[in-house]
Amino acid sequence: MSKNFELLQQMQRERSDSVSSLLEESHYSGGDWASDEALRLVQQIFLTPTQHAPRVVVFAGIDHGNGCTQICASVAETLAKHTSGSVCIVEANFRSPGLPDLLGSTNPLGLTDALLQDGPIRSFANPVGIDKLWLLSCGRLTADSTSLLSSEPIKARVAELRSEFDFVIVDAPPLTRYADAIALGQLSDGIVMVLEAETTRREAAQMAATNLRSSHVSILGAVLNKRTYPIPEKLYKWL
């Protein structure tokens, strides 16, 4: 088998009929992640009919270039459009920030400033585009900004985000490169992993999943980008 990530094909061969409808293929069609796929992921992750449905969720690619930031923006916009709750998308990927450009916003203040200064969390965030959607950008970055993601203030700020907004989407750095996503995942309700078809290696995905579990971070789902399948949690025995 090619070393390129072909896990989903194996899943399709081995899955039962009861989950086949959840893995029907759809296609990535250019710059924007397909709206129907974003809605499907929102329904599966955030709108499950359970008492403890996730509200603070980290999205992290396996590696750079997997499309995680674009998917975060699409999911946040979909939540704002299709629910009555407020949504804050948090740019915690200090390594390669890109949300302000995607959402047509600026980056004067943000998460780094909120971690170093006092003040309500909304004073560091900006409303963007859609009603009820807010962006907490990365803020002003310095050489040691990444250390803030494992500092004591991040715990209080995530708790504040949880109390201020109905849904919080966190764009985190790649799982195989840095420990940031795990630190953020431990403060959240879980992680959605973003993989890229024909690029993400199966071994890398398996290692990332193992590291998350050993750190007691719940894996809520995964997206195989550019082939765009939400992967149900019950199929994680293959990872």
Protein backbone atom coordinates (compact mmCIF):
# COMPACT_ATOMS: atom_id res chain seq x y z
CA MET A 1 0.00 0.00 0.00
CA SER A 2 1.21 3.53 -0.74
CA LYS A 3 2.56 5.41 2.23
CA ASN A 4 0.15 8.19 1.36
CA PHE A 5 -2.84 8.18 3.65
CA GLU A 6 -5.39 5.63 2.38
CA LEU A 7 -7.02 4.81 5.70
CA LEU A 8 -10.48 5.81 4.58
CA GLN A 9 -10.43 3.28 1.74
CA GLN A 10 -9.63 0.56 4.28
CA MET A 11 -12.47 1.78 6.48
CA GLN A 12 -14.88 1.59 3.56
CA ARG A 13 -13.94 -2.02 2.91
CA GLU A 14 -14.34 -3.02 6.56
CA ARG A 15 -17.17 -0.83 7.81
CA SER A 16 -20.66 -2.11 8.49
CA ASP A 17 -23.76 -1.05 6.58
CA SER A 18 -24.92 0.93 9.61
CA VAL A 19 -22.27 3.61 9.11
CA SER A 20 -21.95 3.57 5.33
CA SER A 21 -24.22 6.56 4.85
CA LEU A 22 -21.90 8.70 6.97
CA LEU A 23 -18.97 8.14 4.64
CA GLU A 24 -20.49 8.82 1.23
CA GLU A 25 -17.98 10.67 -0.91
CA SER A 26 -18.22 14.35 -1.69
CA HIS A 27 -15.68 16.57 -3.35
CA TYR A 28 -13.58 19.58 -2.50
CA SER A 29 -14.26 22.25 -5.13
CA GLY A 30 -11.61 24.89 -4.79
CA GLY A 31 -10.89 27.64 -2.27
CA ASP A 32 -13.88 27.23 0.06
CA TRP A 33 -14.62 24.05 1.94
CA ALA A 34 -17.98 22.76 0.67
CA SER A 35 -20.86 24.27 2.64
CA ASP A 36 -22.79 21.01 2.83
CA GLU A 37 -19.75 19.29 4.33
CA ALA A 38 -19.32 22.06 6.90
CA LEU A 39 -22.99 21.70 7.83
CA ARG A 40 -22.64 17.93 8.12
CA LEU A 41 -19.65 18.27 10.41
CA VAL A 42 -21.45 20.87 12.54
CA GLN A 43 -24.41 18.52 12.92
CA GLN A 44 -22.23 15.55 13.85
CA ILE A 45 -19.95 17.37 16.29
CA PHE A 46 -21.87 20.27 17.82
CA LEU A 47 -25.55 19.50 17.40
CA THR A 48 -25.72 15.95 18.69
CA PRO A 49 -28.84 15.33 20.81
CA THR A 50 -26.91 14.76 24.02
CA GLN A 51 -26.77 16.65 27.28
CA HIS A 52 -23.04 17.31 26.98
CA ALA A 53 -22.58 18.20 23.32
CA PRO A 54 -19.17 19.81 22.68
CA ARG A 55 -19.01 23.61 22.82
CA VAL A 56 -15.27 24.31 22.85
CA VAL A 57 -13.54 22.37 20.09
CA VAL A 58 -9.97 22.46 18.80
CA PHE A 59 -9.25 21.81 15.12
CA ALA A 60 -5.72 20.69 14.27
CA GLY A 61 -4.13 19.43 11.09
CA ILE A 62 -1.80 16.48 11.09
CA ASP A 63 0.77 18.65 9.31
CA HIS A 64 1.16 22.04 7.68
CA GLY A 65 -0.99 22.66 4.62
CA ASN A 66 -3.83 20.28 5.50
CA GLY A 67 -6.41 23.08 5.21
CA CYS A 68 -7.25 23.33 8.91
CA THR A 69 -7.63 27.12 9.01
CA GLN A 70 -10.06 27.15 6.06
CA ILE A 71 -12.13 24.39 7.67
CA CYS A 72 -12.23 26.26 10.99
CA ALA A 73 -13.54 29.37 9.23
CA SER A 74 -16.18 27.37 7.34
CA VAL A 75 -17.36 25.56 10.47
CA ALA A 76 -17.55 28.79 12.49
CA GLU A 77 -19.53 30.55 9.76
CA THR A 78 -21.86 27.57 9.45
CA LEU A 79 -22.49 27.51 13.19
CA ALA A 80 -23.28 31.24 13.17
CA LYS A 81 -25.68 30.82 10.24
CA HIS A 82 -27.51 27.71 11.38
CA THR A 83 -27.75 28.13 15.15
CA SER A 84 -29.02 30.88 17.42
CA GLY A 85 -25.87 30.85 19.54
CA SER A 86 -22.86 33.16 19.46
CA VAL A 87 -19.63 31.80 17.97
CA CYS A 88 -16.02 32.79 18.57
CA ILE A 89 -13.25 31.49 16.36
CA VAL A 90 -9.85 31.63 18.08
CA GLU A 91 -6.58 31.84 16.18
CA ALA A 92 -4.21 29.82 18.34
CA ASN A 93 -1.99 28.83 15.44
CA PHE A 94 0.82 31.27 16.17
CA ARG A 95 3.07 29.41 13.72
CA SER A 96 1.15 30.38 10.55
CA PRO A 97 -1.84 32.62 11.34
CA GLY A 98 -4.31 33.22 8.54
CA LEU A 99 -7.82 33.74 9.92
CA PRO A 100 -7.99 37.57 9.64
CA ASP A 101 -7.38 37.37 5.90
CA LEU A 102 -9.95 34.60 5.46
CA LEU A 103 -12.60 36.45 7.46
CA GLY A 104 -11.86 39.93 6.15
CA SER A 105 -10.72 41.25 9.51
CA THR A 106 -7.64 42.83 11.04
CA ASN A 107 -5.31 41.75 13.80
CA PRO A 108 -4.69 44.73 16.13
CA LEU A 109 -5.35 42.82 19.36
CA GLY A 110 -5.94 39.15 20.03
CA LEU A 111 -5.16 36.09 22.08
CA THR A 112 -1.57 37.00 22.97
CA ASP A 113 -2.75 40.37 24.26
CA ALA A 114 -5.54 38.74 26.27
CA LEU A 115 -2.99 36.42 27.88
CA LEU A 116 -0.71 39.28 28.88
CA GLN A 117 -3.24 41.95 29.82
CA ASP A 118 -6.37 42.35 31.91
CA GLY A 119 -9.80 43.06 30.55
CA PRO A 120 -12.88 41.14 29.37
CA ILE A 121 -12.20 38.65 26.60
CA ARG A 122 -14.61 40.38 24.21
CA SER A 123 -12.46 43.51 24.33
CA PHE A 124 -9.75 41.54 22.49
CA ALA A 125 -12.11 40.05 19.87
CA ASN A 126 -13.80 41.57 16.80
CA PRO A 127 -17.23 40.81 15.29
CA VAL A 128 -16.78 39.62 11.72
CA GLY A 129 -19.04 39.20 8.74
CA ILE A 130 -21.97 37.15 9.93
CA ASP A 131 -24.11 38.19 12.87
CA LYS A 132 -23.07 36.40 16.10
CA LEU A 133 -19.59 35.51 14.76
CA TRP A 134 -16.51 36.86 16.53
CA LEU A 135 -12.79 36.48 15.80
CA LEU A 136 -10.14 36.34 18.52
CA SER A 137 -7.06 36.62 16.32
CA CYS A 138 -3.56 35.66 17.42
CA GLY A 139 -2.69 39.23 18.37
CA ARG A 140 0.80 40.65 18.45
CA LEU A 141 3.40 37.90 18.17
CA THR A 142 6.87 37.77 19.62
CA ALA A 143 9.57 35.12 19.69
CA ASP A 144 8.19 33.58 22.90
CA SER A 145 4.46 33.91 22.15
CA THR A 146 4.03 30.15 21.69
CA SER A 147 4.89 29.58 25.36
CA LEU A 148 1.67 31.40 26.28
CA LEU A 149 -0.38 28.45 25.03
CA SER A 150 0.82 26.34 27.96
CA SER A 151 0.77 29.11 30.57
CA GLU A 152 -1.62 29.56 33.48
CA PRO A 153 -3.55 32.50 31.93
CA ILE A 154 -4.72 30.37 28.98
CA LYS A 155 -6.82 28.25 31.33
CA ALA A 156 -8.71 31.27 32.66
CA ARG A 157 -9.17 32.74 29.18
CA VAL A 158 -10.56 29.49 27.73
CA ALA A 159 -12.97 29.28 30.67
CA GLU A 160 -13.99 32.88 29.97
CA LEU A 161 -14.54 32.12 26.29
CA ARG A 162 -16.74 29.19 27.31
CA SER A 163 -18.87 31.45 29.49
CA GLU A 164 -19.09 34.31 26.97
CA PHE A 165 -19.88 32.36 23.79
CA ASP A 166 -22.12 29.42 22.96
CA PHE A 167 -19.52 27.85 20.67
CA VAL A 168 -15.74 28.28 20.53
CA ILE A 169 -13.69 27.03 17.56
CA VAL A 170 -9.92 26.95 18.09
CA ASP A 171 -7.52 26.80 15.14
CA ALA A 172 -4.40 25.05 16.46
CA PRO A 173 -0.95 24.29 15.00
CA PRO A 174 -0.21 20.90 13.39
CA LEU A 175 -0.27 17.87 15.66
CA THR A 176 2.90 16.24 14.37
CA ARG A 177 5.04 19.37 14.67
CA TYR A 178 4.16 20.96 18.00
CA ALA A 179 2.59 20.21 21.39
CA ASP A 180 0.31 23.29 21.26
CA ALA A 181 -2.76 21.41 20.02
CA ILE A 182 -2.53 18.88 22.84
CA ALA A 183 -2.23 21.64 25.47
CA LEU A 184 -5.27 23.38 23.99
CA GLY A 185 -7.14 20.10 23.61
CA GLN A 186 -6.82 19.42 27.33
CA LEU A 187 -8.72 22.66 28.00
CA SER A 188 -11.43 21.93 25.43
CA ASP A 189 -14.20 19.39 24.89
CA GLY A 190 -12.07 17.61 22.31
CA ILE A 191 -10.23 17.79 19.00
CA VAL A 192 -11.20 17.36 15.37
CA MET A 193 -8.23 16.15 13.33
CA VAL A 194 -7.77 17.47 9.78
CA LEU A 195 -6.09 15.17 7.28
CA GLU A 196 -5.35 15.72 3.59
CA ALA A 197 -6.17 13.06 1.02
CA GLU A 198 -3.20 11.61 -0.85
CA THR A 199 -0.81 13.56 1.40
CA THR A 200 -1.26 12.69 5.08
CA ARG A 201 0.57 9.51 5.94
CA ARG A 202 -1.29 6.84 7.83
CA GLU A 203 1.60 6.46 10.30
CA ALA A 204 1.48 10.18 11.11
CA ALA A 205 -2.28 10.06 11.73
CA GLN A 206 -1.91 7.01 13.95
CA MET A 207 0.85 8.65 15.98
CA ALA A 208 -1.17 11.85 16.39
CA ALA A 209 -4.21 9.89 17.58
CA THR A 210 -2.09 7.87 20.02
CA ASN A 211 -0.54 11.04 21.46
CA LEU A 212 -3.97 12.63 21.91
CA ARG A 213 -5.36 9.59 23.72
CA SER A 214 -2.32 9.27 25.98
CA SER A 215 -2.78 12.95 26.89
CA HIS A 216 -6.46 12.30 27.69
CA VAL A 217 -7.73 14.48 24.84
CA SER A 218 -10.99 13.32 23.31
CA ILE A 219 -10.98 12.83 19.53
CA LEU A 220 -14.38 14.06 18.38
CA GLY A 221 -13.96 13.36 14.69
CA ALA A 222 -11.79 13.92 11.65
CA VAL A 223 -12.02 15.49 8.24
CA LEU A 224 -10.26 14.04 5.22
CA ASN A 225 -9.81 17.30 3.33
CA LYS A 226 -9.87 17.49 -0.46
CA ARG A 227 -11.89 14.32 -0.32
CA THR A 228 -13.92 15.67 2.56
CA TYR A 229 -15.42 12.96 4.73
CA PRO A 230 -16.38 13.45 8.34
CA ILE A 231 -15.18 10.24 10.02
CA PRO A 232 -17.42 8.90 12.80
CA GLU A 233 -15.83 8.36 16.20
CA LYS A 234 -16.70 4.65 16.19
CA LEU A 235 -14.26 4.09 13.32
CA TYR A 236 -11.25 5.33 15.32
CA LYS A 237 -10.29 1.73 16.15
CA TRP A 238 -8.52 1.83 12.77
CA LEU A 239 -6.31 4.75 13.82
